[in-house]
Amino acid sequence: MYAQARGGTPQTDKVQPVNTGANPYRVIRDWAHIDGRAWGGSNGVAIDKDGRTVWATDRCSPGTTPGCANTSVNPVHHFDESGKEIKSFGGGMFAWPHGIYVDQQGKRGRQVQP
């Protein structure tokens, strides 16, 4: 998932996804947008129970040393089908967010790296 300021390098932008099986998906660069800041490293994406909206986590700040420690920006984001942010939360709660999932009851969770 990419937003206004994408991570990576000019070289990685040219790399196409590789999949040996049938792939019903396509890459849409710059689809989701976080208002007021650039994406940090995105490390978790999950489709909501509704089957249409998307949850994602990011590591709060772009660059070579991303992370959420010592910041109050929100690392957990909920996007509508157009990529517009519906809501976000988690500012000041995480140092290094790692993954996200949505269970069958629609409850969100995240993986925590010790």
Protein backbone atom coordinates (compact mmCIF):
# COMPACT_ATOMS: atom_id res chain seq x y z
CA MET A 1 0.00 0.00 0.00
CA TYR A 2 1.44 3.35 -0.99
CA ALA A 3 0.45 6.95 -0.28
CA GLN A 4 1.69 10.47 -0.99
CA ALA A 5 5.35 9.84 -0.22
CA ARG A 6 6.09 6.24 -0.99
CA GLY A 7 8.92 4.37 0.60
CA GLY A 8 11.49 2.35 -1.22
CA THR A 9 13.81 3.55 -3.93
CA PRO A 10 13.50 4.48 -7.60
CA GLN A 11 14.81 0.97 -8.34
CA THR A 12 12.15 -0.82 -6.28
CA ASP A 13 9.40 1.30 -7.88
CA LYS A 14 10.28 -0.42 -11.18
CA VAL A 15 9.99 -3.96 -9.80
CA GLN A 16 6.73 -5.65 -10.79
CA PRO A 17 5.00 -8.07 -8.40
CA VAL A 18 5.90 -11.71 -9.06
CA ASN A 19 3.39 -14.52 -8.77
CA THR A 20 3.48 -17.89 -10.53
CA GLY A 21 -0.24 -18.52 -10.00
CA ALA A 22 -3.32 -16.79 -11.25
CA ASN A 23 -3.45 -13.31 -9.75
CA PRO A 24 -6.80 -11.50 -9.59
CA TYR A 25 -5.16 -8.43 -8.02
CA ARG A 26 -3.49 -5.40 -9.51
CA VAL A 27 -1.14 -2.81 -8.06
CA ILE A 28 -2.63 0.65 -7.61
CA ARG A 29 0.13 3.02 -6.57
CA ASP A 30 -0.82 6.00 -4.38
CA TRP A 31 -4.22 4.48 -3.58
CA ALA A 32 -4.51 5.25 0.15
CA HIS A 33 -3.81 8.62 1.71
CA ILE A 34 -2.99 9.56 5.29
CA ASP A 35 -3.91 13.18 5.91
CA GLY A 36 -1.15 15.45 7.13
CA ARG A 37 1.88 13.16 6.88
CA ALA A 38 3.80 10.72 4.74
CA TRP A 39 3.55 6.95 5.25
CA GLY A 40 6.06 5.18 7.41
CA GLY A 41 6.90 1.59 6.51
CA SER A 42 3.63 -0.23 5.93
CA ASN A 43 3.74 -3.67 7.49
CA GLY A 44 0.20 -4.84 7.86
CA VAL A 45 -2.91 -4.82 5.67
CA ALA A 46 -6.24 -6.56 6.26
CA ILE A 47 -9.65 -6.47 4.61
CA ASP A 48 -12.43 -5.55 7.04
CA LYS A 49 -15.27 -7.95 7.86
CA ASP A 50 -17.44 -5.86 5.49
CA GLY A 51 -15.27 -7.09 2.58
CA ARG A 52 -14.83 -3.58 1.20
CA THR A 53 -12.82 -1.40 3.56
CA VAL A 54 -9.15 -1.84 4.43
CA TRP A 55 -7.17 -1.67 7.68
CA ALA A 56 -3.44 -0.94 7.57
CA THR A 57 -0.63 -0.23 9.99
CA ASP A 58 2.45 1.84 9.34
CA ARG A 59 5.55 2.68 11.32
CA CYS A 60 4.74 6.39 11.68
CA SER A 61 7.74 7.94 9.95
CA PRO A 62 9.41 7.30 6.60
CA GLY A 63 13.14 6.95 6.14
CA THR A 64 15.87 4.61 7.24
CA THR A 65 14.86 4.56 10.93
CA PRO A 66 11.07 4.45 10.95
CA GLY A 67 9.19 3.93 14.16
CA CYS A 68 6.43 5.23 16.40
CA ALA A 69 8.38 5.64 19.63
CA ASN A 70 8.38 9.22 20.91
CA THR A 71 5.58 10.29 18.57
CA SER A 72 1.85 10.72 18.94
CA VAL A 73 0.88 10.04 15.30
CA ASN A 74 -1.59 7.22 14.67
CA PRO A 75 -0.19 4.00 13.17
CA VAL A 76 -3.52 2.15 12.68
CA HIS A 77 -5.64 3.32 9.73
CA HIS A 78 -9.05 2.41 8.30
CA PHE A 79 -9.67 3.28 4.62
CA ASP A 80 -12.79 3.30 2.49
CA GLU A 81 -12.91 1.74 -0.99
CA SER A 82 -11.51 4.88 -2.62
CA GLY A 83 -8.46 5.00 -0.30
CA LYS A 84 -9.77 7.85 1.85
CA GLU A 85 -8.92 7.47 5.52
CA ILE A 86 -12.07 6.86 7.59
CA LYS A 87 -10.34 6.91 10.95
CA SER A 88 -7.03 6.22 12.62
CA PHE A 89 -5.88 5.54 16.17
CA GLY A 90 -3.01 4.25 18.29
CA GLY A 91 -0.88 7.39 18.68
CA GLY A 92 1.49 7.04 21.64
CA MET A 93 0.61 3.35 22.09
CA PHE A 94 3.21 1.62 19.89
CA ALA A 95 6.94 1.80 19.37
CA TRP A 96 7.15 -0.64 16.45
CA PRO A 97 3.74 -1.79 15.07
CA HIS A 98 3.91 -5.16 13.40
CA GLY A 99 0.97 -6.52 11.42
CA ILE A 100 -2.81 -6.38 11.69
CA TYR A 101 -5.73 -8.77 11.22
CA VAL A 102 -9.54 -8.69 11.36
CA ASP A 103 -11.27 -11.76 12.80
CA GLN A 104 -14.65 -13.21 11.79
CA GLN A 105 -16.43 -11.08 14.37
CA GLY A 106 -14.82 -7.93 12.96
CA LYS A 107 -12.46 -7.47 15.89
CA ARG A 108 -9.11 -5.98 14.99
CA GLY A 109 -5.84 -7.11 16.46
CA ARG A 110 -2.21 -6.56 15.86
CA GLN A 111 0.90 -8.57 16.20
CA VAL A 112 3.40 -7.29 18.71
CA GLN A 113 7.09 -7.81 18.28
CA PRO A 114 8.83 -8.34 21.65
